[in-house]
Every structure is written in structure tokens, then in C-alpha cells.
Amino acid sequence: MTVRKIAKLFVAPLLGLPTLALAAETPTLNMANTAWMLTSSILVLFMTLPGLALFYGGLVRTKNVLSILMQCFAITAMVSIVWVLFAYSLAFGDGGASNAWLGGLGKALMAGIGVNTLKGDIPETVFAMFQMTFAIITPALVVGGFAERMKFSAMLLFSLFWLLLVYVPVCHWVWGEGWLQKLGVMDFAGGTVVHVNAGVASLVAALVLGRRKGFPATAMPPHNLTMTVIGACMLWVGWFGFNAGSALAANGAAGMTMLVTHIGAAAGSLTWMFCEWIRFGKPSVLGIVTGMVAGLGTITPASGFVGPLGALAIGVTAGLACFFATNYMKRVLHIDDSLDVFPVHGVGGIIGTTLTGVFAATTLGGVGFAEGVTMGKQLTTQITGILVTAAWSGAISYVLLKLIDAVVGLRVTVEQETEGLDTVLHNETGYNL
């Protein structure tokens, strides 16, 4: 055997080892995960249009139904464009030395993101689209806090700057390798980023704008509960993409997330229904669908970390707490958070994020905490995430509202509010009967 042959047999394979190792580490496209994430993106967008739009639209009075649909539609379009321009980069880009606080502009205009660019084992285009749907629904949730009395121009300005100054930084802190994520805050699908964020902003908006004319003395019942229930059903189905999609894979974790999401929604619905039945003598359709939304919002941060029993406990807690928070705000404090965004989403997000630090424990059926982390330490971390998010959202929302009020004005006139925003702002009516 010649020296050359010996080299081919022994030396060449050894030289090839680094190449093989590098090839094994190169991310490859997972088509099953990609298909699931494409589906999840559709489901989450479906939550806003038409889900949230119909849910909120049915809750307002007849003269304002189109204004709500218009606001949800306009927010969807505006956020989509801004997300592609630079918001995605600020949320999930590499900010270099300042990455703990904000991503950079390296991915502005989707720079460097092509057909074959991967984020893990799915296309980054799909990941960006999935995260875009979260960025859309969060400011759309806030609409419920100032429904029936805010100028359309003021709503657009507030939603735009709130997205950039509140949602994007908090999203980066919690999900974009920012400082709260490194601190260990557990928020699987948006307890802080979506629900606490939107809930606090809605409360601030309700306080800054003041009550609707006639509130609370004048009854302002939903004009179309059928529309609200249809929207609620869409939200329930779409929420599976919201939570289970956050696993970013078609695997057992996504399956468990879907199961506990459903349990949380069902438990919240029934708990609210029975609370209302006991308190007022009759269970209402509005109550059961609101309890469903409370259960979903509360299970969201915990959905990837808890088991079925934890989900049941969280859903029941959500139904109880959000029911009493809603009644207390309206009947005692007389705060006109028109569509109950803070007592449902804000309170739900706070409870869910906190209880994640309890029911994630392996002894309670959860996935467990990081190595060396105790339940007490995790609870402290969870509460830190809640307080930081609430303080940031509250402070920036207040400043934005005051600045916008000084520039274009926040609220329509009393006469315009009486006539209705559909006619005053859009020269249309929702019904021609």
C-alpha cells in the first residue's frame, strides 16, 4: 500500500471532521414547524381582524360601531408597515452594547432577511410575521379604554408612538434577549408584553380622557351582543395560535400549551358565569364571554410552563378576580374604561404572570424553574417584570396622551359624542334600517 493511499484512508477523514461538525451545526429548515407557524400567524391575525373588531364593535352603542371597526382595521395596516420599516429590528435585532434595552436597526426594512434566512429552524420571514400579529393586537386592545370618545387622528398618533415607545421596548426586554429575559422573567406568550402593557395603557387613557357623557348614571349597554359573541368565539379559536404558536415548533410543548389554553378559557368562562349568577340572579351571555377572555389573558404568560391542573387553578382565579375587578371599577370607582380592558386584560396579565411563578413548579405539574431558582425567587422575578412593565407603560402612555392632546386634541366635542363617531368622524352609519 502506498503512502498516498494510507493518507487517503486515515488523514483525509480526520481533516474532514471539522467540516462534518460545522455541517451538523448549521440550522436547517423544519417544514413541520414552518407550517405550524404559518398557521399560527394566520390565527393571531384572525384574532384582531375580525375577532377583536367584532367583539369590541358589538359592545359599543349603535352610533359608534363603525368607529371601532375602523380603528382596529387602521391599526392593523399601520402597525404592519411600521413593523417592516424598523419596529421589528428594534424589537428583535441585535442592539450591540445596548442590546439589553433595545435592538438595533440592522434589520430595518427587513435587511438581510431573504427567502432562505432562518430564525432557529423556521424562516425569519415567518417569525417576523408571527411577531407582527402580536404587535398589531396589543395597541388594538387599548382601543377599548377610550372607545366612543377619542378623535381618530389622536388614536392613530397614540397607537403609532405607543407601539414604538412602549410595546417595542418591552417586547425586546422580555422576548428579544433583553434585560428582563436575562433576569429570568417567564412570559410565554404575552402576560407582560401584551396584557399588562395594554391594560395599564387603557386605564391611563380612560383617566386622562375622562368619562363618556352620561357615565355612570346613563345605561350604555352593548348594541349587538350577537356580534360580540361571534367575535369572542373567533378570539377563543385564534388564541391557540397566540399561545401554542409561541412554542415556535410543532411539538409536545405546543400541544400542552394548546390544552392548558383551552382549560384556562373554559374555567374562566364558567367561573365568571357562576359569579354573576350568584350575584345578580341570572347568568348573562356578556358575562360568560368576558370570563372566557379573562381566562385566556390570564393563562397566556403561563401557557408554556404549566400543566392542566395549574391551568384550571389559573382560569378559576381569573374568573373570580376579573369579575370583581370589573364591577369594582365601574360601580365603585366609576372609572370609564369603556370595554373593561384593564380589569380583564390588565388584572388578568398581572395574575397570570404572578401565578406562573407558582404553577411552573414541577411539583405542581409545571416544567420547572431554571437550575438553582426557587419558587420564592421566581415570584420576585415575575413581580419585578410586572412592576417594570406597568410603570413604563403607564408613564409613557400618560406623557403621550398629554402631548397629543396639546397638538391635535384627544377628545371629540360633547355635541359630536352625542351624535356618534360613525357620522362625525367617518360620515357613515353602521346600520341603515
Protein backbone atom coordinates (compact mmCIF):
# COMPACT_ATOMS: atom_id res chain seq x y z
CA MET A 1 0.00 0.00 0.00
CA THR A 2 1.45 3.38 -0.99
CA VAL A 3 1.86 6.40 1.25
CA ARG A 4 -0.77 8.25 -0.79
CA LYS A 5 -3.36 5.50 -0.18
CA ILE A 6 -2.59 5.47 3.54
CA ALA A 7 -3.14 9.24 3.61
CA LYS A 8 -6.49 8.89 1.90
CA LEU A 9 -7.63 6.23 4.37
CA PHE A 10 -6.57 7.89 7.62
CA VAL A 11 -5.60 11.54 7.19
CA ALA A 12 -8.39 12.67 4.88
CA PRO A 13 -11.25 11.57 7.18
CA LEU A 14 -9.58 13.32 10.08
CA LEU A 15 -9.33 16.51 8.08
CA GLY A 16 -12.98 16.19 7.18
CA LEU A 17 -14.20 16.06 10.79
CA PRO A 18 -14.42 19.85 11.32
CA THR A 19 -16.40 20.17 8.10
CA LEU A 20 -18.83 17.47 9.24
CA ALA A 21 -19.19 19.13 12.64
CA LEU A 22 -19.90 22.52 11.09
CA ALA A 23 -22.45 20.97 8.76
CA ALA A 24 -24.23 19.38 11.69
CA GLU A 25 -24.47 22.73 13.50
CA THR A 26 -25.85 24.62 10.51
CA PRO A 27 -29.57 25.36 11.05
CA THR A 28 -31.86 23.56 8.66
CA LEU A 29 -35.43 24.30 7.69
CA ASN A 30 -38.06 22.30 9.56
CA MET A 31 -41.10 22.16 7.30
CA ALA A 32 -43.48 20.90 10.01
CA ASN A 33 -42.56 23.76 12.34
CA THR A 34 -42.80 26.21 9.46
CA ALA A 35 -46.29 25.01 8.53
CA TRP A 36 -47.44 25.36 12.13
CA MET A 37 -46.01 28.86 12.46
CA LEU A 38 -47.64 29.96 9.19
CA THR A 39 -50.94 28.68 10.59
CA SER A 40 -50.37 30.37 13.95
CA SER A 41 -49.66 33.70 12.27
CA ILE A 42 -52.98 33.48 10.45
CA LEU A 43 -54.78 32.58 13.69
CA VAL A 44 -53.34 35.53 15.62
CA LEU A 45 -54.14 37.99 12.84
CA PHE A 46 -57.64 36.48 12.81
CA MET A 47 -57.90 37.48 16.48
CA THR A 48 -57.72 41.17 15.56
CA LEU A 49 -59.49 41.08 12.21
CA PRO A 50 -62.25 40.14 12.53
CA GLY A 51 -62.23 38.74 16.11
CA LEU A 52 -61.41 41.73 18.32
CA ALA A 53 -63.07 44.16 15.93
CA LEU A 54 -66.39 42.31 16.18
CA PHE A 55 -66.03 41.70 19.92
CA TYR A 56 -65.44 45.39 20.63
CA GLY A 57 -67.83 46.56 17.90
CA GLY A 58 -70.77 44.76 19.46
CA LEU A 59 -70.03 46.19 22.89
CA VAL A 60 -70.37 49.87 21.95
CA ARG A 61 -73.52 51.76 21.06
CA THR A 62 -75.01 51.67 17.56
CA LYS A 63 -73.71 55.14 16.69
CA ASN A 64 -70.07 54.10 17.30
CA VAL A 65 -69.81 50.60 15.85
CA LEU A 66 -68.03 51.65 12.65
CA SER A 67 -65.53 53.76 14.56
CA ILE A 68 -64.36 50.66 16.45
CA LEU A 69 -64.11 48.56 13.30
CA MET A 70 -62.22 51.39 11.60
CA GLN A 71 -59.77 51.76 14.48
CA CYS A 72 -58.94 48.04 14.54
CA PHE A 73 -58.53 47.97 10.75
CA ALA A 74 -56.37 51.11 10.63
CA ILE A 75 -54.14 49.91 13.48
CA THR A 76 -53.62 46.61 11.67
CA ALA A 77 -52.47 48.34 8.49
CA MET A 78 -50.34 50.99 10.19
CA VAL A 79 -48.52 48.62 12.56
CA SER A 80 -47.80 46.22 9.69
CA ILE A 81 -45.96 48.91 7.73
CA VAL A 82 -44.06 50.30 10.72
CA TRP A 83 -43.08 46.77 11.80
CA VAL A 84 -41.43 46.10 8.45
CA LEU A 85 -39.78 49.52 8.29
CA PHE A 86 -37.94 49.37 11.61
CA ALA A 87 -40.05 48.19 14.57
CA TYR A 88 -39.18 44.51 14.06
CA SER A 89 -35.49 45.39 14.01
CA LEU A 90 -35.79 47.41 17.22
CA ALA A 91 -37.63 44.57 18.94
CA PHE A 92 -35.63 41.56 17.74
CA GLY A 93 -32.47 42.96 16.16
CA ASP A 94 -29.04 42.96 17.75
CA GLY A 95 -28.53 46.23 19.56
CA GLY A 96 -24.86 45.57 20.22
CA ALA A 97 -23.69 47.05 23.51
CA SER A 98 -27.21 48.40 24.20
CA ASN A 99 -28.96 45.12 23.39
CA ALA A 100 -30.26 44.76 26.95
CA TRP A 101 -32.54 47.74 26.30
CA LEU A 102 -33.32 47.86 22.58
CA GLY A 103 -32.46 46.06 19.38
CA GLY A 104 -30.58 47.86 16.64
CA LEU A 105 -31.55 48.95 13.14
CA GLY A 106 -29.58 46.23 11.41
CA LYS A 107 -32.80 44.56 10.22
CA ALA A 108 -34.66 47.73 9.27
CA LEU A 109 -36.58 47.29 6.03
CA MET A 110 -36.03 43.55 6.56
CA ALA A 111 -32.37 43.99 5.61
CA GLY A 112 -30.55 40.67 5.36
CA ILE A 113 -33.77 38.66 5.60
CA GLY A 114 -34.35 36.63 2.46
CA VAL A 115 -36.23 33.55 1.38
CA ASN A 116 -33.66 31.22 2.93
CA THR A 117 -32.86 33.22 6.10
CA LEU A 118 -33.71 31.16 9.18
CA LYS A 119 -34.67 32.04 12.75
CA GLY A 120 -33.96 28.77 14.51
CA ASP A 121 -35.42 26.21 12.15
CA ILE A 122 -38.20 28.35 10.61
CA PRO A 123 -37.89 31.15 8.02
CA GLU A 124 -37.23 34.50 9.66
CA THR A 125 -39.95 35.97 7.45
CA VAL A 126 -42.43 33.68 9.20
CA PHE A 127 -41.07 34.59 12.64
CA ALA A 128 -41.29 38.30 11.80
CA MET A 129 -44.86 37.88 10.56
CA PHE A 130 -45.86 35.96 13.68
CA GLN A 131 -44.44 38.63 15.95
CA MET A 132 -46.09 41.32 13.81
CA THR A 133 -49.51 39.92 14.68
CA PHE A 134 -48.71 40.39 18.39
CA ALA A 135 -47.63 43.97 17.71
CA ILE A 136 -50.95 44.54 15.93
CA ILE A 137 -53.33 43.22 18.56
CA THR A 138 -51.69 44.90 21.57
CA PRO A 139 -52.43 48.55 20.65
CA ALA A 140 -55.79 47.38 19.26
CA LEU A 141 -56.67 46.12 22.75
CA VAL A 142 -56.05 49.61 24.15
CA VAL A 143 -58.86 50.95 21.94
CA GLY A 144 -61.35 49.59 24.46
CA GLY A 145 -60.19 52.07 27.09
CA PHE A 146 -61.12 55.19 25.14
CA ALA A 147 -63.91 53.84 22.92
CA GLU A 148 -66.70 56.21 21.85
CA ARG A 149 -64.93 59.48 22.63
CA MET A 150 -61.44 59.77 21.09
CA LYS A 151 -60.60 61.55 17.84
CA PHE A 152 -59.49 59.26 15.03
CA SER A 153 -56.37 61.37 14.38
CA ALA A 154 -55.41 61.23 18.06
CA MET A 155 -55.99 57.47 18.10
CA LEU A 156 -53.63 56.97 15.15
CA LEU A 157 -50.90 59.12 16.68
CA PHE A 158 -51.21 57.48 20.08
CA SER A 159 -51.17 53.95 18.63
CA LEU A 160 -48.14 54.69 16.48
CA PHE A 161 -45.97 56.22 19.19
CA TRP A 162 -47.21 53.79 21.84
CA LEU A 163 -46.10 50.92 19.61
CA LEU A 164 -42.62 52.42 19.23
CA LEU A 165 -42.07 53.75 22.75
CA VAL A 166 -43.92 51.16 24.85
CA TYR A 167 -44.60 47.90 23.03
CA VAL A 168 -41.29 47.58 21.17
CA PRO A 169 -39.00 48.17 24.19
CA VAL A 170 -40.98 45.85 26.49
CA CYS A 171 -41.12 43.21 23.75
CA HIS A 172 -37.34 43.40 23.40
CA TRP A 173 -36.78 43.28 27.17
CA VAL A 174 -38.87 40.12 27.57
CA TRP A 175 -38.50 38.25 24.26
CA GLY A 176 -35.63 39.85 22.34
CA GLU A 177 -32.80 38.83 24.68
CA GLY A 178 -33.26 41.99 26.70
CA TRP A 179 -32.63 42.53 30.37
CA LEU A 180 -35.91 41.11 31.72
CA GLN A 181 -35.41 37.92 29.75
CA LYS A 182 -31.88 37.61 31.13
CA LEU A 183 -33.24 38.32 34.60
CA GLY A 184 -35.40 35.23 34.19
CA VAL A 185 -38.92 36.62 33.73
CA MET A 186 -41.19 33.82 32.49
CA ASP A 187 -43.72 35.16 29.98
CA PHE A 188 -44.53 32.54 27.39
CA ALA A 189 -46.95 34.43 25.16
CA GLY A 190 -47.58 37.94 26.45
CA GLY A 191 -48.68 38.37 30.08
CA THR A 192 -46.45 41.43 30.45
CA VAL A 193 -45.72 42.31 26.82
CA VAL A 194 -49.37 42.26 25.73
CA HIS A 195 -51.85 42.20 28.60
CA VAL A 196 -50.23 44.22 31.41
CA ASN A 197 -48.91 46.64 28.79
CA ALA A 198 -52.27 47.19 27.10
CA GLY A 199 -54.27 47.07 30.32
CA VAL A 200 -52.28 49.81 32.04
CA ALA A 201 -52.28 51.99 28.91
CA SER A 202 -56.06 51.61 28.70
CA LEU A 203 -56.52 52.61 32.33
CA VAL A 204 -54.34 55.70 31.86
CA ALA A 205 -56.23 56.64 28.69
CA ALA A 206 -59.58 56.28 30.46
CA LEU A 207 -58.41 58.53 33.28
CA VAL A 208 -56.86 61.18 31.02
CA LEU A 209 -59.82 61.40 28.62
CA GLY A 210 -62.44 61.21 31.36
CA ARG A 211 -65.82 59.53 31.33
CA ARG A 212 -68.23 59.31 28.44
CA LYS A 213 -71.12 61.74 28.59
CA GLY A 214 -73.71 60.32 30.98
CA PHE A 215 -71.47 57.68 32.56
CA PRO A 216 -72.23 56.10 35.03
CA ALA A 217 -75.79 57.41 35.51
CA THR A 218 -76.91 56.58 31.96
CA ALA A 219 -77.06 52.92 30.93
CA MET A 220 -74.79 52.16 27.96
CA PRO A 221 -75.50 48.50 27.09
CA PRO A 222 -73.85 46.72 24.14
CA HIS A 223 -75.79 47.37 20.95
CA ASN A 224 -75.25 43.92 19.40
CA LEU A 225 -74.35 41.01 21.68
CA THR A 226 -74.62 38.59 18.77
CA MET A 227 -71.70 40.37 17.12
CA THR A 228 -69.78 40.31 20.41
CA VAL A 229 -70.27 36.56 20.87
CA ILE A 230 -69.14 35.86 17.31
CA GLY A 231 -66.03 37.94 17.92
CA ALA A 232 -65.43 36.14 21.23
CA CYS A 233 -65.63 32.75 19.50
CA MET A 234 -63.04 33.93 16.98
CA LEU A 235 -60.80 35.10 19.79
CA TRP A 236 -61.03 31.71 21.53
CA VAL A 237 -60.02 29.84 18.37
CA GLY A 238 -57.37 32.36 17.37
CA TRP A 239 -55.80 32.25 20.83
CA PHE A 240 -54.48 28.75 20.11
CA GLY A 241 -52.14 30.35 17.59
CA PHE A 242 -51.34 33.11 20.05
CA ASN A 243 -50.23 30.73 22.81
CA ALA A 244 -49.36 27.41 21.19
CA GLY A 245 -47.68 29.22 18.33
CA SER A 246 -45.30 30.81 20.83
CA ALA A 247 -43.63 27.40 21.18
CA LEU A 248 -42.25 28.16 17.68
CA ALA A 249 -42.47 24.44 16.90
CA ALA A 250 -44.99 21.70 16.20
CA ASN A 251 -44.09 19.57 19.20
CA GLY A 252 -45.28 18.34 22.58
CA ALA A 253 -44.77 21.75 24.17
CA ALA A 254 -47.17 23.31 21.66
CA GLY A 255 -49.65 20.53 22.32
CA MET A 256 -49.59 21.06 26.09
CA THR A 257 -49.82 24.82 25.57
CA MET A 258 -52.93 24.38 23.45
CA LEU A 259 -54.53 22.12 26.05
CA VAL A 260 -53.90 24.43 29.02
CA THR A 261 -55.03 27.45 26.98
CA HIS A 262 -58.38 25.78 26.37
CA ILE A 263 -58.70 24.77 30.03
CA GLY A 264 -57.96 28.33 31.15
CA ALA A 265 -60.62 29.75 28.83
CA ALA A 266 -63.26 27.23 29.89
CA ALA A 267 -62.55 27.70 33.60
CA GLY A 268 -62.64 31.49 33.31
CA SER A 269 -65.96 31.36 31.42
CA LEU A 270 -67.74 29.14 33.92
CA THR A 271 -66.35 30.92 36.97
CA TRP A 272 -67.49 34.33 35.73
CA MET A 273 -70.88 32.86 34.79
CA PHE A 274 -71.44 31.40 38.27
CA CYS A 275 -70.22 34.58 39.97
CA GLU A 276 -72.76 36.58 38.00
CA TRP A 277 -75.49 34.01 38.58
CA ILE A 278 -74.94 34.14 42.34
CA ARG A 279 -74.52 37.91 42.50
CA PHE A 280 -77.31 39.07 40.15
CA GLY A 281 -79.61 36.05 39.92
CA LYS A 282 -79.09 35.35 36.22
CA PRO A 283 -76.06 34.39 34.11
CA SER A 284 -75.51 36.64 31.09
CA VAL A 285 -74.06 35.96 27.66
CA LEU A 286 -71.83 39.02 28.04
CA GLY A 287 -70.54 37.63 31.33
CA ILE A 288 -69.60 34.20 30.03
CA VAL A 289 -67.72 35.56 27.00
CA THR A 290 -65.93 38.16 29.14
CA GLY A 291 -64.91 35.39 31.53
CA MET A 292 -63.52 33.48 28.56
CA VAL A 293 -61.35 36.44 27.55
CA ALA A 294 -60.21 36.83 31.17
CA GLY A 295 -59.26 33.16 31.33
CA LEU A 296 -57.34 33.36 28.07
CA GLY A 297 -55.49 36.53 29.01
CA THR A 298 -54.55 35.11 32.41
CA ILE A 299 -53.30 31.74 31.16
CA THR A 300 -51.25 33.39 28.38
CA PRO A 301 -47.98 34.04 30.29
CA ALA A 302 -48.13 30.62 31.96
CA SER A 303 -49.32 28.59 28.97
CA GLY A 304 -45.95 27.10 28.06
CA PHE A 305 -44.88 26.46 31.65
CA VAL A 306 -47.83 24.88 33.50
CA GLY A 307 -49.83 21.66 33.37
CA PRO A 308 -53.61 21.10 33.20
CA LEU A 309 -54.18 21.44 36.97
CA GLY A 310 -52.24 24.69 37.05
CA ALA A 311 -54.31 25.94 34.12
CA LEU A 312 -57.53 25.05 35.92
CA ALA A 313 -56.45 26.97 39.03
CA ILE A 314 -55.35 29.97 36.96
CA GLY A 315 -58.60 30.01 34.96
CA VAL A 316 -60.78 29.91 38.08
CA THR A 317 -58.70 32.65 39.69
CA ALA A 318 -59.03 34.74 36.55
CA GLY A 319 -62.82 34.42 36.50
CA LEU A 320 -63.12 35.45 40.14
CA ALA A 321 -60.57 38.28 40.18
CA CYS A 322 -61.52 39.86 36.86
CA PHE A 323 -65.25 39.68 37.66
CA PHE A 324 -64.81 41.58 40.92
CA ALA A 325 -62.25 43.99 39.40
CA THR A 326 -64.65 44.90 36.60
CA ASN A 327 -67.56 45.54 38.96
CA TYR A 328 -65.39 47.47 41.40
CA MET A 329 -64.02 49.80 38.72
CA LYS A 330 -67.41 50.56 37.22
CA ARG A 331 -69.69 50.56 40.27
CA VAL A 332 -67.38 51.89 43.00
CA LEU A 333 -64.56 53.84 41.36
CA HIS A 334 -66.69 54.92 38.36
CA ILE A 335 -63.68 54.71 36.05
CA ASP A 336 -64.90 54.60 32.45
CA ASP A 337 -62.56 52.04 30.95
CA SER A 338 -65.25 51.60 28.33
CA LEU A 339 -64.72 47.96 27.36
CA ASP A 340 -63.05 46.76 30.58
CA VAL A 341 -59.53 46.41 29.21
CA PHE A 342 -57.71 46.95 32.50
CA PRO A 343 -59.91 44.80 34.78
CA VAL A 344 -59.85 41.95 32.25
CA HIS A 345 -56.52 42.13 30.42
CA GLY A 346 -54.50 44.16 32.91
CA VAL A 347 -55.63 42.32 36.03
CA GLY A 348 -55.53 39.01 34.15
CA GLY A 349 -51.99 39.65 32.92
CA ILE A 350 -50.83 40.54 36.44
CA ILE A 351 -52.39 37.44 37.98
CA GLY A 352 -51.22 35.10 35.23
CA THR A 353 -47.65 36.39 35.25
CA THR A 354 -47.50 36.09 39.04
CA LEU A 355 -49.01 32.60 39.18
CA THR A 356 -46.56 31.41 36.53
CA GLY A 357 -44.01 31.68 39.32
CA VAL A 358 -46.09 29.20 41.32
CA PHE A 359 -47.59 26.65 38.92
CA ALA A 360 -44.48 26.29 36.80
CA ALA A 361 -43.01 24.27 39.68
CA THR A 362 -42.54 20.61 38.75
CA THR A 363 -44.27 19.55 41.98
CA LEU A 364 -47.42 21.30 40.70
CA GLY A 365 -47.26 19.79 37.21
CA GLY A 366 -45.22 22.52 35.54
CA VAL A 367 -41.99 22.44 33.58
CA GLY A 368 -39.90 23.72 36.49
CA PHE A 369 -37.71 26.75 37.08
CA ALA A 370 -34.15 27.34 35.95
CA GLU A 371 -31.46 25.46 37.82
CA GLY A 372 -30.91 26.91 41.28
CA VAL A 373 -34.08 29.05 41.18
CA THR A 374 -36.67 28.60 43.93
CA MET A 375 -40.37 29.46 43.79
CA GLY A 376 -39.76 32.47 46.04
CA LYS A 377 -37.02 33.81 43.82
CA GLN A 378 -39.08 33.24 40.68
CA LEU A 379 -42.07 35.02 42.20
CA THR A 380 -39.85 38.01 42.95
CA THR A 381 -38.63 37.99 39.35
CA GLN A 382 -42.18 37.76 38.00
CA ILE A 383 -43.36 40.67 40.13
CA THR A 384 -40.35 42.71 39.01
CA GLY A 385 -41.38 42.15 35.39
CA ILE A 386 -44.95 43.22 36.16
CA LEU A 387 -43.95 46.38 38.01
CA VAL A 388 -41.43 47.46 35.38
CA THR A 389 -43.90 46.90 32.55
CA ALA A 390 -46.75 48.67 34.35
CA ALA A 391 -44.58 51.64 35.32
CA TRP A 392 -43.13 52.03 31.81
CA SER A 393 -46.47 51.66 30.04
CA GLY A 394 -48.26 53.95 32.49
CA ALA A 395 -45.68 56.74 32.42
CA ILE A 396 -45.10 56.79 28.66
CA SER A 397 -48.82 56.46 27.89
CA TYR A 398 -49.59 59.45 30.13
CA VAL A 399 -46.93 61.63 28.53
CA LEU A 400 -48.01 60.64 25.01
CA LEU A 401 -51.66 61.40 25.70
CA LYS A 402 -50.84 64.81 27.13
CA LEU A 403 -48.58 65.70 24.19
CA ILE A 404 -51.14 64.58 21.63
CA ASP A 405 -53.85 66.50 23.45
CA ALA A 406 -51.73 69.64 23.19
CA VAL A 407 -51.11 69.13 19.46
CA VAL A 408 -54.37 67.83 17.95
CA GLY A 409 -56.67 67.31 20.93
CA LEU A 410 -57.71 63.93 22.28
CA ARG A 411 -61.45 64.08 22.57
CA VAL A 412 -64.36 64.94 20.31
CA THR A 413 -66.75 67.64 21.45
CA VAL A 414 -69.80 66.89 23.59
CA GLU A 415 -72.05 67.50 20.57
CA GLN A 416 -70.01 65.14 18.41
CA GLU A 417 -70.03 62.47 21.10
CA THR A 418 -73.79 62.76 21.34
CA GLU A 419 -74.20 62.40 17.58
CA GLY A 420 -71.83 59.45 17.41
CA LEU A 421 -68.35 58.92 15.99
CA ASP A 422 -69.55 56.99 12.94
CA THR A 423 -71.24 60.03 11.44
CA VAL A 424 -68.94 62.71 12.85
CA LEU A 425 -65.59 61.12 12.00
CA HIS A 426 -66.37 58.82 9.08
CA ASN A 427 -69.59 60.17 7.56
CA GLU A 428 -71.11 56.69 7.61
CA THR A 429 -73.51 54.64 9.70
CA GLY A 430 -73.25 51.02 10.71
CA TYR A 431 -76.91 50.27 10.03
CA ASN A 432 -79.43 51.64 7.55
CA LEU A 433 -82.74 50.45 8.98
